[in-house]
């Protein structure tokens, strides 16, 4: 059964977690993590959300995002 769509409102905070389906390594080198940080920076500029915290681990990530006008589904 699919998840219900989130209700979007300005200032909503979301804990976003992303990982590989099999728990395998996503970031094999530090350069991979730096590139992902650059992607986050580009999306922040494009969609104007606030990133309160993030954690990049070898096999998954955590983001704490505060949305503004752009819904989370478009940011992701």
PDB file of N, CA and C in Angstrom:
ATOM      1  N   UNK A   1       0.843  -1.170   0.000  1.00  0.00           N
ATOM      2  CA  UNK A   1       0.000   0.000   0.000  1.00  0.00           C
ATOM      3  C   UNK A   1       0.894   1.240   0.000  1.00  0.00           C
ATOM      4  N   UNK A   2       0.658   2.178  -0.920  1.00  0.00           N
ATOM      5  CA  UNK A   2       1.507   3.368  -0.999  1.00  0.00           C
ATOM      6  C   UNK A   2       1.285   4.304   0.181  1.00  0.00           C
ATOM      7  N   UNK A   3       2.300   5.094   0.445  1.00  0.00           N
ATOM      8  CA  UNK A   3       2.245   6.062   1.533  1.00  0.00           C
ATOM      9  C   UNK A   3       1.365   7.238   1.129  1.00  0.00           C
ATOM     10  N   UNK A   4       0.636   7.816   2.092  1.00  0.00           N
ATOM     11  CA  UNK A   4      -0.186   8.985   1.806  1.00  0.00           C
ATOM     12  C   UNK A   4       0.719  10.178   1.527  1.00  0.00           C
ATOM     13  N   UNK A   5       0.270  11.045   0.621  1.00  0.00           N
ATOM     14  CA  UNK A   5       1.044  12.220   0.271  1.00  0.00           C
ATOM     15  C   UNK A   5       1.125  13.174   1.463  1.00  0.00           C
ATOM     16  N   UNK A   6       2.291  13.759   1.662  1.00  0.00           N
ATOM     17  CA  UNK A   6       2.473  14.712   2.751  1.00  0.00           C
ATOM     18  C   UNK A   6       1.684  15.986   2.481  1.00  0.00           C
ATOM     19  N   UNK A   7       1.195  16.610   3.541  1.00  0.00           N
ATOM     20  CA  UNK A   7       0.546  17.908   3.416  1.00  0.00           C
ATOM     21  C   UNK A   7       1.643  18.959   3.461  1.00  0.00           C
ATOM     22  N   UNK A   8       1.687  19.789   2.437  1.00  0.00           N
ATOM     23  CA  UNK A   8       2.736  20.798   2.349  1.00  0.00           C
ATOM     24  C   UNK A   8       2.284  22.085   3.016  1.00  0.00           C
ATOM     25  N   UNK A   9       3.142  22.652   3.850  1.00  0.00           N
ATOM     26  CA  UNK A   9       2.928  24.000   4.363  1.00  0.00           C
ATOM     27  C   UNK A   9       4.283  24.652   4.627  1.00  0.00           C
ATOM     28  N   UNK A  10       4.328  25.953   4.478  1.00  0.00           N
ATOM     29  CA  UNK A  10       5.546  26.726   4.656  1.00  0.00           C
ATOM     30  C   UNK A  10       6.088  26.509   6.069  1.00  0.00           C
ATOM     31  N   UNK A  11       7.362  26.173   6.170  1.00  0.00           N
ATOM     32  CA  UNK A  11       8.003  25.992   7.459  1.00  0.00           C
ATOM     33  C   UNK A  11       7.965  24.580   8.012  1.00  0.00           C
ATOM     34  N   UNK A  12       7.376  23.649   7.279  1.00  0.00           N
ATOM     35  CA  UNK A  12       7.325  22.262   7.748  1.00  0.00           C
ATOM     36  C   UNK A  12       8.741  21.679   7.803  1.00  0.00           C
ATOM     37  N   UNK A  13       9.012  20.901   8.849  1.00  0.00           N
ATOM     38  CA  UNK A  13      10.297  20.228   9.007  1.00  0.00           C
ATOM     39  C   UNK A  13      10.152  18.751   8.684  1.00  0.00           C
ATOM     40  N   UNK A  14      11.112  18.220   7.945  1.00  0.00           N
ATOM     41  CA  UNK A  14      11.081  16.811   7.567  1.00  0.00           C
ATOM     42  C   UNK A  14      12.433  16.165   7.851  1.00  0.00           C
ATOM     43  N   UNK A  15      12.385  14.975   8.433  1.00  0.00           N
ATOM     44  CA  UNK A  15      13.581  14.145   8.573  1.00  0.00           C
ATOM     45  C   UNK A  15      13.567  13.215   7.363  1.00  0.00           C
ATOM     46  N   UNK A  16      14.546  13.382   6.494  1.00  0.00           N
ATOM     47  CA  UNK A  16      14.642  12.582   5.268  1.00  0.00           C
ATOM     48  C   UNK A  16      15.777  11.591   5.451  1.00  0.00           C
ATOM     49  N   UNK A  17      15.497  10.339   5.152  1.00  0.00           N
ATOM     50  CA  UNK A  17      16.523   9.305   5.191  1.00  0.00           C
ATOM     51  C   UNK A  17      16.508   8.580   3.850  1.00  0.00           C
ATOM     52  N   UNK A  18      17.681   8.347   3.310  1.00  0.00           N
ATOM     53  CA  UNK A  18      17.789   7.606   2.051  1.00  0.00           C
ATOM     54  C   UNK A  18      18.903   6.586   2.192  1.00  0.00           C
ATOM     55  N   UNK A  19      18.644   5.385   1.678  1.00  0.00           N
ATOM     56  CA  UNK A  19      19.661   4.339   1.750  1.00  0.00           C
ATOM     57  C   UNK A  19      19.471   3.363   0.595  1.00  0.00           C
ATOM     58  N   UNK A  20      20.480   2.548   0.394  1.00  0.00           N
ATOM     59  CA  UNK A  20      20.423   1.491  -0.602  1.00  0.00           C
ATOM     60  C   UNK A  20      19.480   0.390  -0.109  1.00  0.00           C
ATOM     61  N   UNK A  21      18.771  -0.238  -1.020  1.00  0.00           N
ATOM     62  CA  UNK A  21      17.825  -1.287  -0.636  1.00  0.00           C
ATOM     63  C   UNK A  21      18.480  -2.448   0.103  1.00  0.00           C
ATOM     64  N   UNK A  22      19.710  -2.761  -0.242  1.00  0.00           N
ATOM     65  CA  UNK A  22      20.384  -3.909   0.366  1.00  0.00           C
ATOM     66  C   UNK A  22      21.366  -3.507   1.468  1.00  0.00           C
ATOM     67  N   UNK A  23      21.368  -2.250   1.868  1.00  0.00           N
ATOM     68  CA  UNK A  23      22.292  -1.795   2.897  1.00  0.00           C
ATOM     69  C   UNK A  23      23.731  -1.732   2.436  1.00  0.00           C
ATOM     70  N   UNK A  24      23.939  -1.687   1.127  1.00  0.00           N
ATOM     71  CA  UNK A  24      25.291  -1.652   0.592  1.00  0.00           C
ATOM     72  C   UNK A  24      25.868  -0.243   0.666  1.00  0.00           C
ATOM     73  N   UNK A  25      27.158  -0.133   0.466  1.00  0.00           N
ATOM     74  CA  UNK A  25      27.855   1.148   0.515  1.00  0.00           C
ATOM     75  C   UNK A  25      27.404   2.030  -0.652  1.00  0.00           C
ATOM     76  N   UNK A  26      27.014   3.255  -0.317  1.00  0.00           N
ATOM     77  CA  UNK A  26      26.593   4.237  -1.324  1.00  0.00           C
ATOM     78  C   UNK A  26      27.761   5.177  -1.630  1.00  0.00           C
ATOM     79  N   UNK A  27      28.463   5.593  -0.586  1.00  0.00           N
ATOM     80  CA  UNK A  27      29.612   6.483  -0.733  1.00  0.00           C
ATOM     81  C   UNK A  27      30.880   5.693  -0.438  1.00  0.00           C
ATOM     82  N   UNK A  28      31.584   5.288  -1.471  1.00  0.00           N
ATOM     83  CA  UNK A  28      32.780   4.464  -1.260  1.00  0.00           C
ATOM     84  C   UNK A  28      34.024   5.309  -1.000  1.00  0.00           C
ATOM     85  N   UNK A  29      33.976   6.604  -1.374  1.00  0.00           N
ATOM     86  CA  UNK A  29      35.128   7.493  -1.171  1.00  0.00           C
ATOM     87  C   UNK A  29      34.636   8.806  -0.573  1.00  0.00           C
ATOM     88  N   UNK A  30      35.533   9.521   0.085  1.00  0.00           N
ATOM     89  CA  UNK A  30      35.184  10.839   0.628  1.00  0.00           C
ATOM     90  C   UNK A  30      34.764  11.800  -0.484  1.00  0.00           C
ATOM     91  N   UNK A  31      35.336  11.622  -1.669  1.00  0.00           N
ATOM     92  CA  UNK A  31      34.978  12.472  -2.803  1.00  0.00           C
ATOM     93  C   UNK A  31      33.498  12.306  -3.173  1.00  0.00           C
ATOM     94  N   UNK A  32      32.963  11.107  -2.995  1.00  0.00           N
ATOM     95  CA  UNK A  32      31.546  10.863  -3.267  1.00  0.00           C
ATOM     96  C   UNK A  32      30.669  11.685  -2.321  1.00  0.00           C
ATOM     97  N   UNK A  33      31.060  11.746  -1.054  1.00  0.00           N
ATOM     98  CA  UNK A  33      30.311  12.540  -0.082  1.00  0.00           C
ATOM     99  C   UNK A  33      30.394  14.025  -0.410  1.00  0.00           C
ATOM    100  N   UNK A  34      31.574  14.495  -0.825  1.00  0.00           N
ATOM    101  CA  UNK A  34      31.721  15.895  -1.212  1.00  0.00           C
ATOM    102  C   UNK A  34      30.842  16.236  -2.416  1.00  0.00           C
ATOM    103  N   UNK A  35      30.778  15.326  -3.366  1.00  0.00           N
ATOM    104  CA  UNK A  35      29.922  15.561  -4.534  1.00  0.00           C
ATOM    105  C   UNK A  35      28.458  15.623  -4.121  1.00  0.00           C
ATOM    106  N   UNK A  36      28.043  14.770  -3.198  1.00  0.00           N
ATOM    107  CA  UNK A  36      26.658  14.800  -2.712  1.00  0.00           C
ATOM    108  C   UNK A  36      26.381  16.118  -1.993  1.00  0.00           C
ATOM    109  N   UNK A  37      27.343  16.605  -1.206  1.00  0.00           N
ATOM    110  CA  UNK A  37      27.183  17.910  -0.564  1.00  0.00           C
ATOM    111  C   UNK A  37      26.998  19.004  -1.603  1.00  0.00           C
ATOM    112  N   UNK A  38      27.733  18.930  -2.712  1.00  0.00           N
ATOM    113  CA  UNK A  38      27.581  19.911  -3.797  1.00  0.00           C
ATOM    114  C   UNK A  38      26.193  19.836  -4.425  1.00  0.00           C
ATOM    115  N   UNK A  39      25.656  18.642  -4.551  1.00  0.00           N
ATOM    116  CA  UNK A  39      24.298  18.475  -5.074  1.00  0.00           C
ATOM    117  C   UNK A  39      23.292  19.138  -4.130  1.00  0.00           C
ATOM    118  N   UNK A  40      23.468  18.930  -2.830  1.00  0.00           N
ATOM    119  CA  UNK A  40      22.578  19.555  -1.847  1.00  0.00           C
ATOM    120  C   UNK A  40      22.638  21.078  -1.971  1.00  0.00           C
ATOM    121  N   UNK A  41      23.838  21.626  -2.101  1.00  0.00           N
ATOM    122  CA  UNK A  41      24.002  23.081  -2.241  1.00  0.00           C
ATOM    123  C   UNK A  41      23.276  23.594  -3.482  1.00  0.00           C
ATOM    124  N   UNK A  42      23.423  22.902  -4.598  1.00  0.00           N
ATOM    125  CA  UNK A  42      22.740  23.318  -5.836  1.00  0.00           C
ATOM    126  C   UNK A  42      21.226  23.295  -5.671  1.00  0.00           C
ATOM    127  N   UNK A  43      20.693  22.258  -5.024  1.00  0.00           N
ATOM    128  CA  UNK A  43      19.244  22.164  -4.827  1.00  0.00           C
ATOM    129  C   UNK A  43      18.745  23.214  -3.842  1.00  0.00           C
ATOM    130  N   UNK A  44      19.549  23.554  -2.825  1.00  0.00           N
ATOM    131  CA  UNK A  44      19.170  24.619  -1.896  1.00  0.00           C
ATOM    132  C   UNK A  44      19.029  25.943  -2.643  1.00  0.00           C
ATOM    133  N   UNK A  45      19.944  26.214  -3.559  1.00  0.00           N
ATOM    134  CA  UNK A  45      19.878  27.445  -4.353  1.00  0.00           C
ATOM    135  C   UNK A  45      18.678  27.431  -5.292  1.00  0.00           C
ATOM    136  N   UNK A  46      18.387  26.284  -5.852  1.00  0.00           N
ATOM    137  CA  UNK A  46      17.293  26.177  -6.819  1.00  0.00           C
ATOM    138  C   UNK A  46      15.921  26.232  -6.151  1.00  0.00           C
ATOM    139  N   UNK A  47      15.747  25.544  -5.010  1.00  0.00           N
ATOM    140  CA  UNK A  47      14.423  25.407  -4.399  1.00  0.00           C
ATOM    141  C   UNK A  47      14.255  26.165  -3.079  1.00  0.00           C
ATOM    142  N   UNK A  48      15.288  26.828  -2.609  1.00  0.00           N
ATOM    143  CA  UNK A  48      15.194  27.702  -1.436  1.00  0.00           C
ATOM    144  C   UNK A  48      14.589  27.018  -0.208  1.00  0.00           C
ATOM    145  N   UNK A  49      15.164  25.895   0.182  1.00  0.00           N
ATOM    146  CA  UNK A  49      14.776  25.257   1.437  1.00  0.00           C
ATOM    147  C   UNK A  49      15.888  25.480   2.449  1.00  0.00           C
ATOM    148  N   UNK A  50      15.601  25.247   3.708  1.00  0.00           N
ATOM    149  CA  UNK A  50      16.601  25.408   4.753  1.00  0.00           C
ATOM    150  C   UNK A  50      17.040  24.028   5.224  1.00  0.00           C
ATOM    151  N   UNK A  51      18.326  23.804   5.268  1.00  0.00           N
ATOM    152  CA  UNK A  51      18.884  22.539   5.732  1.00  0.00           C
ATOM    153  C   UNK A  51      19.413  22.762   7.147  1.00  0.00           C
ATOM    154  N   UNK A  52      18.718  22.218   8.143  1.00  0.00           N
ATOM    155  CA  UNK A  52      19.111  22.412   9.535  1.00  0.00           C
ATOM    156  C   UNK A  52      20.261  21.494   9.933  1.00  0.00           C
ATOM    157  N   UNK A  53      20.264  20.274   9.421  1.00  0.00           N
ATOM    158  CA  UNK A  53      21.310  19.308   9.773  1.00  0.00           C
ATOM    159  C   UNK A  53      21.359  18.229   8.702  1.00  0.00           C
ATOM    160  N   UNK A  54      22.517  17.615   8.589  1.00  0.00           N
ATOM    161  CA  UNK A  54      22.644  16.458   7.697  1.00  0.00           C
ATOM    162  C   UNK A  54      23.753  15.551   8.210  1.00  0.00           C
ATOM    163  N   UNK A  55      23.655  14.295   7.816  1.00  0.00           N
ATOM    164  CA  UNK A  55      24.666  13.310   8.178  1.00  0.00           C
ATOM    165  C   UNK A  55      24.816  12.361   6.994  1.00  0.00           C
ATOM    166  N   UNK A  56      26.014  12.308   6.437  1.00  0.00           N
ATOM    167  CA  UNK A  56      26.298  11.403   5.320  1.00  0.00           C
ATOM    168  C   UNK A  56      27.156  10.267   5.849  1.00  0.00           C
ATOM    169  N   UNK A  57      26.616   9.072   5.800  1.00  0.00           N
ATOM    170  CA  UNK A  57      27.363   7.887   6.211  1.00  0.00           C
ATOM    171  C   UNK A  57      27.656   7.039   4.973  1.00  0.00           C
ATOM    172  N   UNK A  58      28.478   6.045   5.124  1.00  0.00           N
ATOM    173  CA  UNK A  58      28.852   5.254   3.950  1.00  0.00           C
ATOM    174  C   UNK A  58      27.665   4.586   3.271  1.00  0.00           C
ATOM    175  N   UNK A  59      26.660   4.175   4.051  1.00  0.00           N
ATOM    176  CA  UNK A  59      25.557   3.418   3.445  1.00  0.00           C
ATOM    177  C   UNK A  59      24.199   4.118   3.490  1.00  0.00           C
ATOM    178  N   UNK A  60      24.112   5.338   4.068  1.00  0.00           N
ATOM    179  CA  UNK A  60      22.849   6.082   4.031  1.00  0.00           C
ATOM    180  C   UNK A  60      23.054   7.531   4.465  1.00  0.00           C
ATOM    181  N   UNK A  61      21.994   8.327   4.299  1.00  0.00           N
ATOM    182  CA  UNK A  61      22.051   9.745   4.651  1.00  0.00           C
ATOM    183  C   UNK A  61      20.845  10.124   5.506  1.00  0.00           C
ATOM    184  N   UNK A  62      21.017  11.200   6.269  1.00  0.00           N
ATOM    185  CA  UNK A  62      19.916  11.819   7.003  1.00  0.00           C
ATOM    186  C   UNK A  62      19.951  13.317   6.695  1.00  0.00           C
ATOM    187  N   UNK A  63      18.796  13.909   6.432  1.00  0.00           N
ATOM    188  CA  UNK A  63      18.678  15.344   6.218  1.00  0.00           C
ATOM    189  C   UNK A  63      17.538  15.864   7.078  1.00  0.00           C
ATOM    190  N   UNK A  64      17.706  17.048   7.671  1.00  0.00           N
ATOM    191  CA  UNK A  64      16.616  17.718   8.361  1.00  0.00           C
ATOM    192  C   UNK A  64      16.338  18.981   7.556  1.00  0.00           C
ATOM    193  N   UNK A  65      15.221  18.948   6.813  1.00  0.00           N
ATOM    194  CA  UNK A  65      14.890  19.991   5.848  1.00  0.00           C
ATOM    195  C   UNK A  65      13.669  20.767   6.295  1.00  0.00           C
ATOM    196  N   UNK A  66      13.765  22.095   6.210  1.00  0.00           N
ATOM    197  CA  UNK A  66      12.605  22.969   6.412  1.00  0.00           C
ATOM    198  C   UNK A  66      12.201  23.499   5.045  1.00  0.00           C
ATOM    199  N   UNK A  67      10.994  23.169   4.625  1.00  0.00           N
ATOM    200  CA  UNK A  67      10.536  23.586   3.301  1.00  0.00           C
ATOM    201  C   UNK A  67       9.946  24.989   3.369  1.00  0.00           C
ATOM    202  N   UNK A  68       9.914  25.616   2.221  1.00  0.00           N
ATOM    203  CA  UNK A  68       9.283  26.932   2.090  1.00  0.00           C
ATOM    204  C   UNK A  68       8.196  26.787   1.046  1.00  0.00           C
ATOM    205  N   UNK A  69       8.327  27.485  -0.070  1.00  0.00           N
ATOM    206  CA  UNK A  69       7.285  27.403  -1.100  1.00  0.00           C
ATOM    207  C   UNK A  69       7.277  26.066  -1.842  1.00  0.00           C
ATOM    208  N   UNK A  70       8.447  25.472  -2.009  1.00  0.00           N
ATOM    209  CA  UNK A  70       8.570  24.230  -2.782  1.00  0.00           C
ATOM    210  C   UNK A  70       8.289  23.010  -1.902  1.00  0.00           C
ATOM    211  N   UNK A  71       7.376  22.136  -2.319  1.00  0.00           N
ATOM    212  CA  UNK A  71       7.099  20.921  -1.535  1.00  0.00           C
ATOM    213  C   UNK A  71       8.300  19.969  -1.519  1.00  0.00           C
ATOM    214  N   UNK A  72       8.379  19.172  -0.471  1.00  0.00           N
ATOM    215  CA  UNK A  72       9.481  18.231  -0.306  1.00  0.00           C
ATOM    216  C   UNK A  72       9.591  17.281  -1.489  1.00  0.00           C
ATOM    217  N   UNK A  73       8.479  16.807  -2.018  1.00  0.00           N
ATOM    218  CA  UNK A  73       8.537  15.841  -3.116  1.00  0.00           C
ATOM    219  C   UNK A  73       9.246  16.417  -4.332  1.00  0.00           C
ATOM    220  N   UNK A  74       9.157  17.720  -4.566  1.00  0.00           N
ATOM    221  CA  UNK A  74       9.855  18.328  -5.707  1.00  0.00           C
ATOM    222  C   UNK A  74      11.338  18.495  -5.386  1.00  0.00           C
ATOM    223  N   UNK A  75      11.656  18.841  -4.149  1.00  0.00           N
ATOM    224  CA  UNK A  75      13.052  18.983  -3.743  1.00  0.00           C
ATOM    225  C   UNK A  75      13.775  17.652  -3.895  1.00  0.00           C
ATOM    226  N   UNK A  76      13.139  16.573  -3.472  1.00  0.00           N
ATOM    227  CA  UNK A  76      13.769  15.252  -3.535  1.00  0.00           C
ATOM    228  C   UNK A  76      13.763  14.700  -4.942  1.00  0.00           C
TER     229      UNK A  76
END
